[in-house]
Structures are given as structure tokens and as C-alpha cells.
Amino acid sequence: MAGTVQCELCPTECVLENYQVGGCRTRINKDGTLYSLVYGKPCAVAVDPIEKKPFYHFLPATKAFSIATAGCVLGCKFCQNWQISQASPEDVDHQNLPPADVVRQAMFYGCRSITYTYTEPTVFYEYMVDTAQIARQFGVRNTMHSCGYINEKPLRKLAKLLDAADIDLKAFTEDFYSRICGGRLKPVLDALVVLRQENVWLEITNLVIPTLNDDPKKIREMCGWIVKNLGPDVPIHFSRFFPYYKLKDLPPTPFETLKDALKAAQDAGMRYAYIGNIRTEAENTYCHRCRKLLIERIGYHVQQINLTGGKCRSCGTAIPGVWS
């Protein structure tokens, strides 16, 4: 049909007729050209600890200027920001904040980095790329927290501007991605490999949901894939689930389940596994060689850092991460 356009940004690859909006709610076909409906219009702006993203091996104890627009490429039933991720741009309050002003505010508030986060950065791709280019010029780092549901070509372009990415690996079965998220697993695994190839510092978050993705065998299988394809030094954050959005009938994740996930990761050979959304010593970073405490955390607050030049002060082992 004349004027029909296929979006190539995410694996859904919506085919849009004239003036039709994509499934992400943020891109519209106008006379054969795709336009963003959220460029420069963030609905969430905040200064956060970098630990909140969560990044544990990237500039600890620094601040991240965090932005998001409405929209998402997935429809996860457990989304904790569903009020904006599952909303259309016209249905949420936003402010006008062009890329240069994002960078200006980040510097004003003493933020070492900008994080594209909260909803799904892929939906505001052009806004993110333009902001990241300006940030690079002023020495501000670029990071994102993403579901990783993005095609290879735009991801490789973006990766040239990214310093770090935390990817939600939501489960390790196609069934989960299909039934619970409205997507597919394989594109996320492919994106993780691309980010590794592009030398972007990588961390992974796995929200552990009772009865849906908490099988220790599948978690061990997932972690085995990570070790084989990304390496044993990629930090993984097992995050505690709380009932939100369309999964209010499930209980919060028991602490024992999170400890089982942690053990599964360690058994698979992952050197840096953490538990989040609950106060525990498993928030701390320990040297994988001598097991001395490297970074002590209480929630998002760093209590002490025992690293010198990115190395363990006790045994001198180089600790993977971006420390300066």
C-alpha cells in the first residue's frame, strides 16, 4: 500500500499505514516517514544514585541524571513503571527538555553520567542518540537501563555512544517472553552479545517472579549462557518482585528464592552476583579471588570503597568495571 512504512527499530517491526502509530505508542507514519512523538519530551526526570539503575561496577557513589519518555516496546505484565511505560505520550505530563538542556542540567547537578531509563530507552532512540552525542563532547558518560529489545543495526550505532548498559534479562524461556512480556527471548540474547562485542560495560538484571521464572535450574542455565557468551565477570542483579500492574495476585519474592538464584549463578561460574530490592550483604561487592570486601552498600548508599586503581587493596587483583 502506498505510504506504508515498516519500522526497523525493534524486533516487532511494525508495518504502519499513513498516520498509524506503532505498538510502542511513540512513532507515527506521516506520509511515508516515521516521526517520534516523544523527542525532547521526557515524562520522568530525576537525579539518582548510579546504584539505583542498578550499576554496581560503574562509577560507584556517583550521581546519574535520569530521563524517560512515555512508551515501551514490550508489554510486561509485571511492569513497575506501567503508568508511563504503557501510556501514550498525550496521556502523561511531560516537560520540554531538548538534548542540550539534558546535558546542561546533568552538569549543573554534578552528575557524572546520564542514564536513559525508567521506561524503555529504545522508544526515544533519536532523543537518546542526540543527547549522548552532546554529552560525549562535555565528558559526561552515557548509560542506559533497557529491556534489550532492539534490532542490531540501531543498537550498534547507539553502542558507539554508550559507556554502560544494564539489560533486563527477564527470563530464559521463549514462553515467558511470549506470555508475560509480549516479545521474544532471542533478540534480547542477541543484543547482549552485540553490546559485549561493542565493548560497552554490561550488567544484567533479572527480576525473580514467584512461579514464573524462579526455577533454579533455568536460572543456572541462564547464567551458564551468560558465562559462555559474555564472560564470568558480567555482574547480575537478582531483583525482588513486588506485585504490580497485572500480576497483583502473586506474592513478593521470598528471600530464600533470591538466595537460591544467587547460588545458581555462582554455581554456573558468575563471579559477581547480587540481590536487589531487599537489604542484605548480597548487595556488597567482594573480590572474586581473596573474597575481601571491596564495596559496601546499604541500599543505594555506598559506605566504603576498598579499590585502588580498579584493583583489590588486599590482593591486587584487577576488578572488572569502570571505576574512574
C-alpha atoms as a PDB file:
ATOM      1  CA  MET A   1       0.000   0.000   0.000  1.00  0.00           C
ATOM      2  CA  ALA A   2       1.303   3.460  -0.912  1.00  0.00           C
ATOM      3  CA  GLY A   3       2.755   5.309   2.073  1.00  0.00           C
ATOM      4  CA  THR A   4       3.104   2.168   4.189  1.00  0.00           C
ATOM      5  CA  VAL A   5       6.294   2.044   6.274  1.00  0.00           C
ATOM      6  CA  GLN A   6       7.935  -0.718   8.274  1.00  0.00           C
ATOM      7  CA  CYS A   7       9.687   0.389  11.448  1.00  0.00           C
ATOM      8  CA  GLU A   8      13.091  -1.280  11.828  1.00  0.00           C
ATOM      9  CA  LEU A   9      13.949  -0.106  15.325  1.00  0.00           C
ATOM     10  CA  CYS A  10      12.804  -3.067  17.417  1.00  0.00           C
ATOM     11  CA  PRO A  11      12.153  -6.745  16.577  1.00  0.00           C
ATOM     12  CA  THR A  12       8.375  -6.169  16.430  1.00  0.00           C
ATOM     13  CA  GLU A  13       8.975  -4.274  13.157  1.00  0.00           C
ATOM     14  CA  CYS A  14       5.515  -2.700  12.959  1.00  0.00           C
ATOM     15  CA  VAL A  15       4.113  -2.119   9.487  1.00  0.00           C
ATOM     16  CA  LEU A  16       2.314   1.227   9.656  1.00  0.00           C
ATOM     17  CA  GLU A  17      -0.156   2.766   7.294  1.00  0.00           C
ATOM     18  CA  ASN A  18      -0.324   6.531   6.876  1.00  0.00           C
ATOM     19  CA  TYR A  19      -0.866   8.277  10.247  1.00  0.00           C
ATOM     20  CA  GLN A  20      -0.828   4.963  12.118  1.00  0.00           C
ATOM     21  CA  VAL A  21       1.079   4.822  15.408  1.00  0.00           C
ATOM     22  CA  GLY A  22       3.358   1.877  16.278  1.00  0.00           C
ATOM     23  CA  GLY A  23       2.805  -0.583  19.081  1.00  0.00           C
ATOM     24  CA  CYS A  24       5.274   1.335  21.247  1.00  0.00           C
ATOM     25  CA  ARG A  25       2.868   4.331  21.039  1.00  0.00           C
ATOM     26  CA  THR A  26       5.748   6.690  20.229  1.00  0.00           C
ATOM     27  CA  ARG A  27       6.323   6.515  16.458  1.00  0.00           C
ATOM     28  CA  ILE A  28       3.949   7.615  13.718  1.00  0.00           C
ATOM     29  CA  ASN A  29       3.976   7.245   9.948  1.00  0.00           C
ATOM     30  CA  LYS A  30       3.335  10.600   8.287  1.00  0.00           C
ATOM     31  CA  ASP A  31       3.205  10.339   4.503  1.00  0.00           C
ATOM     32  CA  GLY A  32       5.819   7.597   4.374  1.00  0.00           C
ATOM     33  CA  THR A  33       8.220   8.981   7.003  1.00  0.00           C
ATOM     34  CA  LEU A  34       8.437   7.833  10.616  1.00  0.00           C
ATOM     35  CA  TYR A  35       8.398  10.550  13.284  1.00  0.00           C
ATOM     36  CA  SER A  36       8.992  10.352  17.018  1.00  0.00           C
ATOM     37  CA  LEU A  37       6.150  11.569  19.228  1.00  0.00           C
ATOM     38  CA  VAL A  38       8.389  11.868  22.313  1.00  0.00           C
ATOM     39  CA  TYR A  39      11.533  13.631  21.109  1.00  0.00           C
ATOM     40  CA  GLY A  40      12.659  16.083  23.788  1.00  0.00           C
ATOM     41  CA  LYS A  41       9.568  15.364  25.898  1.00  0.00           C
ATOM     42  CA  PRO A  42      10.590  13.380  28.985  1.00  0.00           C
ATOM     43  CA  CYS A  43       7.849  12.462  31.436  1.00  0.00           C
ATOM     44  CA  ALA A  44      10.346  11.482  34.150  1.00  0.00           C
ATOM     45  CA  VAL A  45      13.469  13.440  35.099  1.00  0.00           C
ATOM     46  CA  ALA A  46      15.488  12.813  38.259  1.00  0.00           C
ATOM     47  CA  VAL A  47      18.938  12.796  39.804  1.00  0.00           C
ATOM     48  CA  ASP A  48      19.610   9.272  41.099  1.00  0.00           C
ATOM     49  CA  PRO A  49      22.471   7.346  42.664  1.00  0.00           C
ATOM     50  CA  ILE A  50      24.055   5.247  39.921  1.00  0.00           C
ATOM     51  CA  GLU A  51      23.425   2.241  42.204  1.00  0.00           C
ATOM     52  CA  LYS A  52      19.672   2.649  41.622  1.00  0.00           C
ATOM     53  CA  LYS A  53      19.944   1.768  37.920  1.00  0.00           C
ATOM     54  CA  PRO A  54      21.392  -0.683  39.104  1.00  0.00           C
ATOM     55  CA  PHE A  55      25.066  -0.311  38.216  1.00  0.00           C
ATOM     56  CA  TYR A  56      27.462  -1.759  40.795  1.00  0.00           C
ATOM     57  CA  HIS A  57      30.674  -1.784  38.741  1.00  0.00           C
ATOM     58  CA  PHE A  58      30.298   1.596  37.058  1.00  0.00           C
ATOM     59  CA  LEU A  59      31.402   4.810  38.788  1.00  0.00           C
ATOM     60  CA  PRO A  60      30.125   3.814  42.253  1.00  0.00           C
ATOM     61  CA  ALA A  61      28.862   6.546  44.596  1.00  0.00           C
ATOM     62  CA  THR A  62      28.243   8.987  41.727  1.00  0.00           C
ATOM     63  CA  LYS A  63      25.040  10.619  40.517  1.00  0.00           C
ATOM     64  CA  ALA A  64      23.188   9.827  37.293  1.00  0.00           C
ATOM     65  CA  PHE A  65      20.870  12.291  35.577  1.00  0.00           C
ATOM     66  CA  SER A  66      17.974  10.044  34.619  1.00  0.00           C
ATOM     67  CA  ILE A  67      15.336  10.595  31.946  1.00  0.00           C
ATOM     68  CA  ALA A  68      12.483   8.693  30.324  1.00  0.00           C
ATOM     69  CA  THR A  69       9.608   9.319  27.953  1.00  0.00           C
ATOM     70  CA  ALA A  70       6.297   7.522  27.701  1.00  0.00           C
ATOM     71  CA  GLY A  71       6.091   4.219  25.835  1.00  0.00           C
ATOM     72  CA  CYS A  72       7.695   0.790  25.637  1.00  0.00           C
ATOM     73  CA  VAL A  73       8.445  -1.866  23.036  1.00  0.00           C
ATOM     74  CA  LEU A  74       7.150  -4.630  25.348  1.00  0.00           C
ATOM     75  CA  GLY A  75       4.052  -5.066  27.498  1.00  0.00           C
ATOM     76  CA  CYS A  76       5.329  -6.829  30.613  1.00  0.00           C
ATOM     77  CA  LYS A  77       2.520  -7.759  32.974  1.00  0.00           C
ATOM     78  CA  PHE A  78       4.755  -7.047  35.986  1.00  0.00           C
ATOM     79  CA  CYS A  79       5.997  -3.590  34.923  1.00  0.00           C
ATOM     80  CA  GLN A  80       6.745  -1.363  37.903  1.00  0.00           C
ATOM     81  CA  ASN A  81       6.515   1.830  35.819  1.00  0.00           C
ATOM     82  CA  TRP A  82       3.421   0.850  33.870  1.00  0.00           C
ATOM     83  CA  GLN A  83       1.744   4.231  34.395  1.00  0.00           C
ATOM     84  CA  ILE A  84       4.219   5.742  31.905  1.00  0.00           C
ATOM     85  CA  SER A  85       5.631   2.748  30.015  1.00  0.00           C
ATOM     86  CA  GLN A  86       2.200   1.554  28.934  1.00  0.00           C
ATOM     87  CA  ALA A  87       0.823   5.046  28.284  1.00  0.00           C
ATOM     88  CA  SER A  88       0.599   7.132  25.151  1.00  0.00           C
ATOM     89  CA  PRO A  89       2.628  10.381  25.131  1.00  0.00           C
ATOM     90  CA  GLU A  90      -0.509  12.545  25.133  1.00  0.00           C
ATOM     91  CA  ASP A  91      -1.755  10.843  28.304  1.00  0.00           C
ATOM     92  CA  VAL A  92       1.172  11.732  30.574  1.00  0.00           C
ATOM     93  CA  ASP A  93       2.603  15.010  31.782  1.00  0.00           C
ATOM     94  CA  HIS A  94       5.943  15.904  30.245  1.00  0.00           C
ATOM     95  CA  GLN A  95       8.392  18.745  30.056  1.00  0.00           C
ATOM     96  CA  ASN A  96      10.209  20.151  27.061  1.00  0.00           C
ATOM     97  CA  LEU A  97      13.861  19.279  27.538  1.00  0.00           C
ATOM     98  CA  PRO A  98      15.960  19.211  24.366  1.00  0.00           C
ATOM     99  CA  PRO A  99      19.217  17.231  24.312  1.00  0.00           C
ATOM    100  CA  ALA A 100      21.492  20.192  25.063  1.00  0.00           C
ATOM    101  CA  ASP A 101      19.419  21.058  28.133  1.00  0.00           C
ATOM    102  CA  VAL A 102      19.614  17.468  29.399  1.00  0.00           C
ATOM    103  CA  VAL A 103      23.403  17.678  29.318  1.00  0.00           C
ATOM    104  CA  ARG A 104      23.388  21.164  30.820  1.00  0.00           C
ATOM    105  CA  GLN A 105      21.249  20.033  33.748  1.00  0.00           C
ATOM    106  CA  ALA A 106      23.323  16.890  34.271  1.00  0.00           C
ATOM    107  CA  MET A 107      26.436  19.025  34.619  1.00  0.00           C
ATOM    108  CA  PHE A 108      24.678  21.577  36.821  1.00  0.00           C
ATOM    109  CA  TYR A 109      23.691  18.846  39.300  1.00  0.00           C
ATOM    110  CA  GLY A 110      27.173  17.299  39.311  1.00  0.00           C
ATOM    111  CA  CYS A 111      26.145  14.079  37.563  1.00  0.00           C
ATOM    112  CA  ARG A 112      28.975  12.037  36.082  1.00  0.00           C
ATOM    113  CA  SER A 113      26.569  10.267  33.758  1.00  0.00           C
ATOM    114  CA  ILE A 114      23.189  10.415  32.061  1.00  0.00           C
ATOM    115  CA  THR A 115      21.015   7.313  32.284  1.00  0.00           C
ATOM    116  CA  TYR A 116      18.239   6.593  29.809  1.00  0.00           C
ATOM    117  CA  THR A 117      15.920   4.525  31.962  1.00  0.00           C
ATOM    118  CA  TYR A 118      12.578   4.032  33.781  1.00  0.00           C
ATOM    119  CA  THR A 119      10.538   3.073  30.671  1.00  0.00           C
ATOM    120  CA  GLU A 120      12.358   1.743  27.595  1.00  0.00           C
ATOM    121  CA  PRO A 121      15.034   3.947  26.005  1.00  0.00           C
ATOM    122  CA  THR A 122      14.560   2.301  22.614  1.00  0.00           C
ATOM    123  CA  VAL A 123      11.284   4.202  22.160  1.00  0.00           C
ATOM    124  CA  PHE A 124      13.094   7.548  22.429  1.00  0.00           C
ATOM    125  CA  TYR A 125      16.057   6.368  20.375  1.00  0.00           C
ATOM    126  CA  GLU A 126      16.695   9.579  18.405  1.00  0.00           C
ATOM    127  CA  TYR A 127      16.431  11.708  21.545  1.00  0.00           C
ATOM    128  CA  MET A 128      18.862   9.403  23.327  1.00  0.00           C
ATOM    129  CA  VAL A 129      21.385   9.392  20.461  1.00  0.00           C
ATOM    130  CA  ASP A 130      21.381  13.172  20.093  1.00  0.00           C
ATOM    131  CA  THR A 131      21.721  13.679  23.842  1.00  0.00           C
ATOM    132  CA  ALA A 132      24.530  11.121  24.071  1.00  0.00           C
ATOM    133  CA  GLN A 133      26.482  12.834  21.289  1.00  0.00           C
ATOM    134  CA  ILE A 134      26.407  16.155  23.136  1.00  0.00           C
ATOM    135  CA  ALA A 135      27.191  14.501  26.467  1.00  0.00           C
ATOM    136  CA  ARG A 136      30.321  12.930  24.960  1.00  0.00           C
ATOM    137  CA  GLN A 137      31.587  16.387  23.979  1.00  0.00           C
ATOM    138  CA  PHE A 138      31.418  17.527  27.605  1.00  0.00           C
ATOM    139  CA  GLY A 139      32.827  14.398  29.232  1.00  0.00           C
ATOM    140  CA  VAL A 140      29.508  13.164  30.626  1.00  0.00           C
ATOM    141  CA  ARG A 141      29.112   9.390  30.411  1.00  0.00           C
ATOM    142  CA  ASN A 142      26.096   7.715  28.795  1.00  0.00           C
ATOM    143  CA  THR A 143      24.344   4.689  30.278  1.00  0.00           C
ATOM    144  CA  MET A 144      21.001   3.000  29.763  1.00  0.00           C
ATOM    145  CA  HIS A 145      18.781   0.525  31.531  1.00  0.00           C
ATOM    146  CA  SER A 146      16.941  -1.340  28.805  1.00  0.00           C
ATOM    147  CA  CYS A 147      14.982  -4.487  28.064  1.00  0.00           C
ATOM    148  CA  GLY A 148      17.384  -5.070  25.166  1.00  0.00           C
ATOM    149  CA  TYR A 149      14.562  -5.469  22.648  1.00  0.00           C
ATOM    150  CA  ILE A 150      16.201  -3.604  19.782  1.00  0.00           C
ATOM    151  CA  ASN A 151      17.468  -4.568  16.335  1.00  0.00           C
ATOM    152  CA  GLU A 152      21.168  -4.982  15.670  1.00  0.00           C
ATOM    153  CA  LYS A 153      21.748  -2.050  13.292  1.00  0.00           C
ATOM    154  CA  PRO A 154      20.358   0.715  15.553  1.00  0.00           C
ATOM    155  CA  LEU A 155      21.942  -0.937  18.592  1.00  0.00           C
ATOM    156  CA  ARG A 156      25.420  -0.906  17.074  1.00  0.00           C
ATOM    157  CA  LYS A 157      25.039   2.783  16.224  1.00  0.00           C
ATOM    158  CA  LEU A 158      23.894   3.536  19.763  1.00  0.00           C
ATOM    159  CA  ALA A 159      26.627   1.404  21.319  1.00  0.00           C
ATOM    160  CA  LYS A 160      29.279   3.722  19.870  1.00  0.00           C
ATOM    161  CA  LEU A 161      27.939   6.379  22.253  1.00  0.00           C
ATOM    162  CA  LEU A 162      27.245   4.208  25.297  1.00  0.00           C
ATOM    163  CA  ASP A 163      29.616   3.695  28.214  1.00  0.00           C
ATOM    164  CA  ALA A 164      27.446   1.166  30.069  1.00  0.00           C
ATOM    165  CA  ALA A 165      24.185  -0.738  29.755  1.00  0.00           C
ATOM    166  CA  ASP A 166      22.112  -2.684  32.253  1.00  0.00           C
ATOM    167  CA  ILE A 167      19.864  -5.104  30.384  1.00  0.00           C
ATOM    168  CA  ASP A 168      16.788  -6.768  31.840  1.00  0.00           C
ATOM    169  CA  LEU A 169      17.092 -10.451  31.009  1.00  0.00           C
ATOM    170  CA  LYS A 170      13.598 -11.190  32.207  1.00  0.00           C
ATOM    171  CA  ALA A 171      13.680 -14.969  31.947  1.00  0.00           C
ATOM    172  CA  PHE A 172      15.328 -17.722  29.939  1.00  0.00           C
ATOM    173  CA  THR A 173      12.362 -19.178  28.068  1.00  0.00           C
ATOM    174  CA  GLU A 174      10.547 -18.057  24.955  1.00  0.00           C
ATOM    175  CA  ASP A 175       7.286 -18.993  26.658  1.00  0.00           C
ATOM    176  CA  PHE A 176       7.805 -16.410  29.400  1.00  0.00           C
ATOM    177  CA  TYR A 177       8.670 -13.670  26.926  1.00  0.00           C
ATOM    178  CA  SER A 178       5.645 -14.504  24.789  1.00  0.00           C
ATOM    179  CA  ARG A 179       3.029 -14.900  27.553  1.00  0.00           C
ATOM    180  CA  ILE A 180       4.252 -12.362  30.089  1.00  0.00           C
ATOM    181  CA  CYS A 181       6.071  -9.725  28.028  1.00  0.00           C
ATOM    182  CA  GLY A 182       4.634  -9.890  24.514  1.00  0.00           C
ATOM    183  CA  GLY A 183       8.052 -10.386  22.943  1.00  0.00           C
ATOM    184  CA  ARG A 184      10.781 -12.908  22.220  1.00  0.00           C
ATOM    185  CA  LEU A 185      13.887 -14.010  24.109  1.00  0.00           C
ATOM    186  CA  LYS A 186      16.329 -14.437  21.227  1.00  0.00           C
ATOM    187  CA  PRO A 187      16.569 -10.741  20.231  1.00  0.00           C
ATOM    188  CA  VAL A 188      17.493  -9.907  23.828  1.00  0.00           C
ATOM    189  CA  LEU A 189      20.257 -12.509  23.873  1.00  0.00           C
ATOM    190  CA  ASP A 190      21.485 -11.182  20.524  1.00  0.00           C
ATOM    191  CA  ALA A 191      21.535  -7.624  21.916  1.00  0.00           C
ATOM    192  CA  LEU A 192      23.611  -8.725  24.902  1.00  0.00           C
ATOM    193  CA  VAL A 193      26.198 -10.254  22.561  1.00  0.00           C
ATOM    194  CA  VAL A 194      26.277  -7.091  20.434  1.00  0.00           C
ATOM    195  CA  LEU A 195      26.865  -4.873  23.464  1.00  0.00           C
ATOM    196  CA  ARG A 196      29.694  -7.148  24.566  1.00  0.00           C
ATOM    197  CA  GLN A 197      31.224  -7.031  21.078  1.00  0.00           C
ATOM    198  CA  GLU A 198      31.000  -3.231  21.102  1.00  0.00           C
ATOM    199  CA  ASN A 199      32.869  -3.059  24.444  1.00  0.00           C
ATOM    200  CA  VAL A 200      30.004  -1.417  26.336  1.00  0.00           C
ATOM    201  CA  TRP A 201      30.276  -2.107  30.074  1.00  0.00           C
ATOM    202  CA  LEU A 202      27.474  -4.581  30.695  1.00  0.00           C
ATOM    203  CA  GLU A 203      25.412  -5.550  33.725  1.00  0.00           C
ATOM    204  CA  ILE A 204      22.264  -7.694  33.788  1.00  0.00           C
ATOM    205  CA  THR A 205      19.126  -7.514  35.913  1.00  0.00           C
ATOM    206  CA  ASN A 206      16.786 -10.456  36.433  1.00  0.00           C
ATOM    207  CA  LEU A 207      13.529  -9.790  38.284  1.00  0.00           C
ATOM    208  CA  VAL A 208      12.729 -13.073  40.033  1.00  0.00           C
ATOM    209  CA  ILE A 209       8.967 -13.659  39.951  1.00  0.00           C
ATOM    210  CA  PRO A 210       7.448 -16.466  42.050  1.00  0.00           C
ATOM    211  CA  THR A 211       6.132 -19.408  39.964  1.00  0.00           C
ATOM    212  CA  LEU A 212       7.012 -17.735  36.635  1.00  0.00           C
ATOM    213  CA  ASN A 213      10.814 -17.565  36.318  1.00  0.00           C
ATOM    214  CA  ASP A 214      12.182 -18.707  39.679  1.00  0.00           C
ATOM    215  CA  ASP A 215      13.189 -22.282  38.789  1.00  0.00           C
ATOM    216  CA  PRO A 216      16.828 -22.594  39.972  1.00  0.00           C
ATOM    217  CA  LYS A 217      17.598 -24.986  37.083  1.00  0.00           C
ATOM    218  CA  LYS A 218      16.513 -22.422  34.491  1.00  0.00           C
ATOM    219  CA  ILE A 219      18.390 -19.678  36.335  1.00  0.00           C
ATOM    220  CA  ARG A 220      21.515 -21.839  36.323  1.00  0.00           C
ATOM    221  CA  GLU A 221      21.001 -22.468  32.606  1.00  0.00           C
ATOM    222  CA  MET A 222      20.633 -18.725  32.002  1.00  0.00           C
ATOM    223  CA  CYS A 223      23.773 -17.962  33.964  1.00  0.00           C
ATOM    224  CA  GLY A 224      25.646 -20.693  32.108  1.00  0.00           C
ATOM    225  CA  TRP A 225      24.707 -18.961  28.844  1.00  0.00           C
ATOM    226  CA  ILE A 226      25.976 -15.652  30.238  1.00  0.00           C
ATOM    227  CA  VAL A 227      29.312 -17.149  31.271  1.00  0.00           C
ATOM    228  CA  LYS A 228      29.754 -18.847  27.896  1.00  0.00           C
ATOM    229  CA  ASN A 229      28.704 -15.916  25.699  1.00  0.00           C
ATOM    230  CA  LEU A 230      29.500 -12.822  27.760  1.00  0.00           C
ATOM    231  CA  GLY A 231      32.053 -13.995  30.304  1.00  0.00           C
ATOM    232  CA  PRO A 232      32.044 -14.688  34.059  1.00  0.00           C
ATOM    233  CA  ASP A 233      32.697 -11.066  35.065  1.00  0.00           C
ATOM    234  CA  VAL A 234      29.350  -9.617  33.947  1.00  0.00           C
ATOM    235  CA  PRO A 235      27.517  -8.604  37.141  1.00  0.00           C
ATOM    236  CA  ILE A 236      23.987  -9.947  37.533  1.00  0.00           C
ATOM    237  CA  HIS A 237      21.373  -8.416  39.825  1.00  0.00           C
ATOM    238  CA  PHE A 238      18.595 -10.686  41.064  1.00  0.00           C
ATOM    239  CA  SER A 239      15.839  -8.256  41.936  1.00  0.00           C
ATOM    240  CA  ARG A 240      12.950  -8.895  44.298  1.00  0.00           C
ATOM    241  CA  PHE A 241       9.499  -8.833  42.688  1.00  0.00           C
ATOM    242  CA  PHE A 242       6.620  -6.890  44.204  1.00  0.00           C
ATOM    243  CA  PRO A 243       3.043  -7.274  42.927  1.00  0.00           C
ATOM    244  CA  TYR A 244       2.274  -4.510  40.436  1.00  0.00           C
ATOM    245  CA  TYR A 245       0.189  -3.848  37.346  1.00  0.00           C
ATOM    246  CA  LYS A 246      -1.314  -7.131  36.072  1.00  0.00           C
ATOM    247  CA  LEU A 247       0.460  -9.517  38.472  1.00  0.00           C
ATOM    248  CA  LYS A 248      -1.030  -8.378  41.763  1.00  0.00           C
ATOM    249  CA  ASP A 249      -2.103 -11.929  42.594  1.00  0.00           C
ATOM    250  CA  LEU A 250       1.490 -13.088  43.167  1.00  0.00           C
ATOM    251  CA  PRO A 251       3.418 -12.578  46.428  1.00  0.00           C
ATOM    252  CA  PRO A 252       6.726 -10.726  46.775  1.00  0.00           C
ATOM    253  CA  THR A 253       9.726 -12.906  46.068  1.00  0.00           C
ATOM    254  CA  PRO A 254      10.799 -14.837  49.194  1.00  0.00           C
ATOM    255  CA  PHE A 255      14.345 -14.144  50.336  1.00  0.00           C
ATOM    256  CA  GLU A 256      15.151 -17.868  50.142  1.00  0.00           C
ATOM    257  CA  THR A 257      14.243 -17.845  46.434  1.00  0.00           C
ATOM    258  CA  LEU A 258      16.651 -14.970  45.828  1.00  0.00           C
ATOM    259  CA  LYS A 259      19.385 -16.821  47.705  1.00  0.00           C
ATOM    260  CA  ASP A 260      18.732 -19.874  45.510  1.00  0.00           C
ATOM    261  CA  ALA A 261      19.128 -17.691  42.418  1.00  0.00           C
ATOM    262  CA  LEU A 262      22.367 -16.280  43.797  1.00  0.00           C
ATOM    263  CA  LYS A 263      23.737 -19.779  44.384  1.00  0.00           C
ATOM    264  CA  ALA A 264      22.670 -20.885  40.902  1.00  0.00           C
ATOM    265  CA  ALA A 265      24.647 -18.007  39.415  1.00  0.00           C
ATOM    266  CA  GLN A 266      27.707 -18.789  41.494  1.00  0.00           C
ATOM    267  CA  ASP A 267      27.472 -22.488  40.622  1.00  0.00           C
ATOM    268  CA  ALA A 268      27.381 -21.517  36.939  1.00  0.00           C
ATOM    269  CA  GLY A 269      30.638 -19.594  37.359  1.00  0.00           C
ATOM    270  CA  MET A 270      29.444 -15.995  37.643  1.00  0.00           C
ATOM    271  CA  ARG A 271      31.855 -14.016  39.825  1.00  0.00           C
ATOM    272  CA  TYR A 272      29.651 -11.038  40.658  1.00  0.00           C
ATOM    273  CA  ALA A 273      26.062 -11.883  41.578  1.00  0.00           C
ATOM    274  CA  TYR A 274      23.886  -9.576  43.659  1.00  0.00           C
ATOM    275  CA  ILE A 275      20.467  -9.416  45.295  1.00  0.00           C
ATOM    276  CA  GLY A 276      18.428  -6.224  44.953  1.00  0.00           C
ATOM    277  CA  ASN A 277      15.217  -4.680  46.307  1.00  0.00           C
ATOM    278  CA  ILE A 278      15.975  -6.090  49.741  1.00  0.00           C
ATOM    279  CA  ARG A 279      18.615  -5.196  52.339  1.00  0.00           C
ATOM    280  CA  THR A 280      21.273  -7.908  52.501  1.00  0.00           C
ATOM    281  CA  GLU A 281      25.027  -8.427  52.412  1.00  0.00           C
ATOM    282  CA  ALA A 282      24.489  -9.701  48.872  1.00  0.00           C
ATOM    283  CA  GLU A 283      24.413  -6.030  47.827  1.00  0.00           C
ATOM    284  CA  ASN A 284      28.139  -5.779  48.543  1.00  0.00           C
ATOM    285  CA  THR A 285      30.986  -6.392  46.119  1.00  0.00           C
ATOM    286  CA  TYR A 286      33.705  -8.851  47.135  1.00  0.00           C
ATOM    287  CA  CYS A 287      36.971  -9.685  45.408  1.00  0.00           C
ATOM    288  CA  HIS A 288      36.485 -12.851  43.388  1.00  0.00           C
ATOM    289  CA  ARG A 289      39.967 -14.011  44.351  1.00  0.00           C
ATOM    290  CA  CYS A 290      40.531 -13.214  48.045  1.00  0.00           C
ATOM    291  CA  ARG A 291      36.850 -12.543  48.960  1.00  0.00           C
ATOM    292  CA  LYS A 292      37.698  -9.319  50.811  1.00  0.00           C
ATOM    293  CA  LEU A 293      35.013  -6.632  50.930  1.00  0.00           C
ATOM    294  CA  LEU A 294      35.505  -4.155  48.082  1.00  0.00           C
ATOM    295  CA  ILE A 295      32.341  -2.039  48.102  1.00  0.00           C
ATOM    296  CA  GLU A 296      29.898  -1.928  50.980  1.00  0.00           C
ATOM    297  CA  ARG A 297      26.345  -0.817  50.141  1.00  0.00           C
ATOM    298  CA  ILE A 298      23.236  -0.201  52.162  1.00  0.00           C
ATOM    299  CA  GLY A 299      20.501   0.173  49.611  1.00  0.00           C
ATOM    300  CA  TYR A 300      21.651   2.813  47.143  1.00  0.00           C
ATOM    301  CA  HIS A 301      24.199   4.263  49.544  1.00  0.00           C
ATOM    302  CA  VAL A 302      27.878   3.319  49.333  1.00  0.00           C
ATOM    303  CA  GLN A 303      29.535   3.061  52.749  1.00  0.00           C
ATOM    304  CA  GLN A 304      33.101   2.266  51.708  1.00  0.00           C
ATOM    305  CA  ILE A 305      35.175   1.514  48.621  1.00  0.00           C
ATOM    306  CA  ASN A 306      38.322  -0.586  49.006  1.00  0.00           C
ATOM    307  CA  LEU A 307      39.693  -0.267  45.488  1.00  0.00           C
ATOM    308  CA  THR A 308      42.861   1.412  44.318  1.00  0.00           C
ATOM    309  CA  GLY A 309      43.232   1.982  40.607  1.00  0.00           C
ATOM    310  CA  GLY A 310      40.466  -0.557  39.975  1.00  0.00           C
ATOM    311  CA  LYS A 311      42.300  -3.227  41.965  1.00  0.00           C
ATOM    312  CA  CYS A 312      41.568  -5.006  45.243  1.00  0.00           C
ATOM    313  CA  ARG A 313      43.561  -3.330  48.012  1.00  0.00           C
ATOM    314  CA  SER A 314      44.147  -6.664  49.726  1.00  0.00           C
ATOM    315  CA  CYS A 315      45.472  -8.877  46.918  1.00  0.00           C
ATOM    316  CA  GLY A 316      45.942  -6.542  43.962  1.00  0.00           C
ATOM    317  CA  THR A 317      43.502  -8.370  41.680  1.00  0.00           C
ATOM    318  CA  ALA A 318      42.073  -6.205  38.900  1.00  0.00           C
ATOM    319  CA  ILE A 319      38.306  -5.926  39.385  1.00  0.00           C
ATOM    320  CA  PRO A 320      36.260  -5.672  36.187  1.00  0.00           C
ATOM    321  CA  GLY A 321      34.330  -2.449  35.864  1.00  0.00           C
ATOM    322  CA  VAL A 322      34.588   1.278  35.149  1.00  0.00           C
ATOM    323  CA  TRP A 323      35.943   2.886  38.272  1.00  0.00           C
ATOM    324  CA  SER A 324      37.157   6.346  37.182  1.00  0.00           C
END
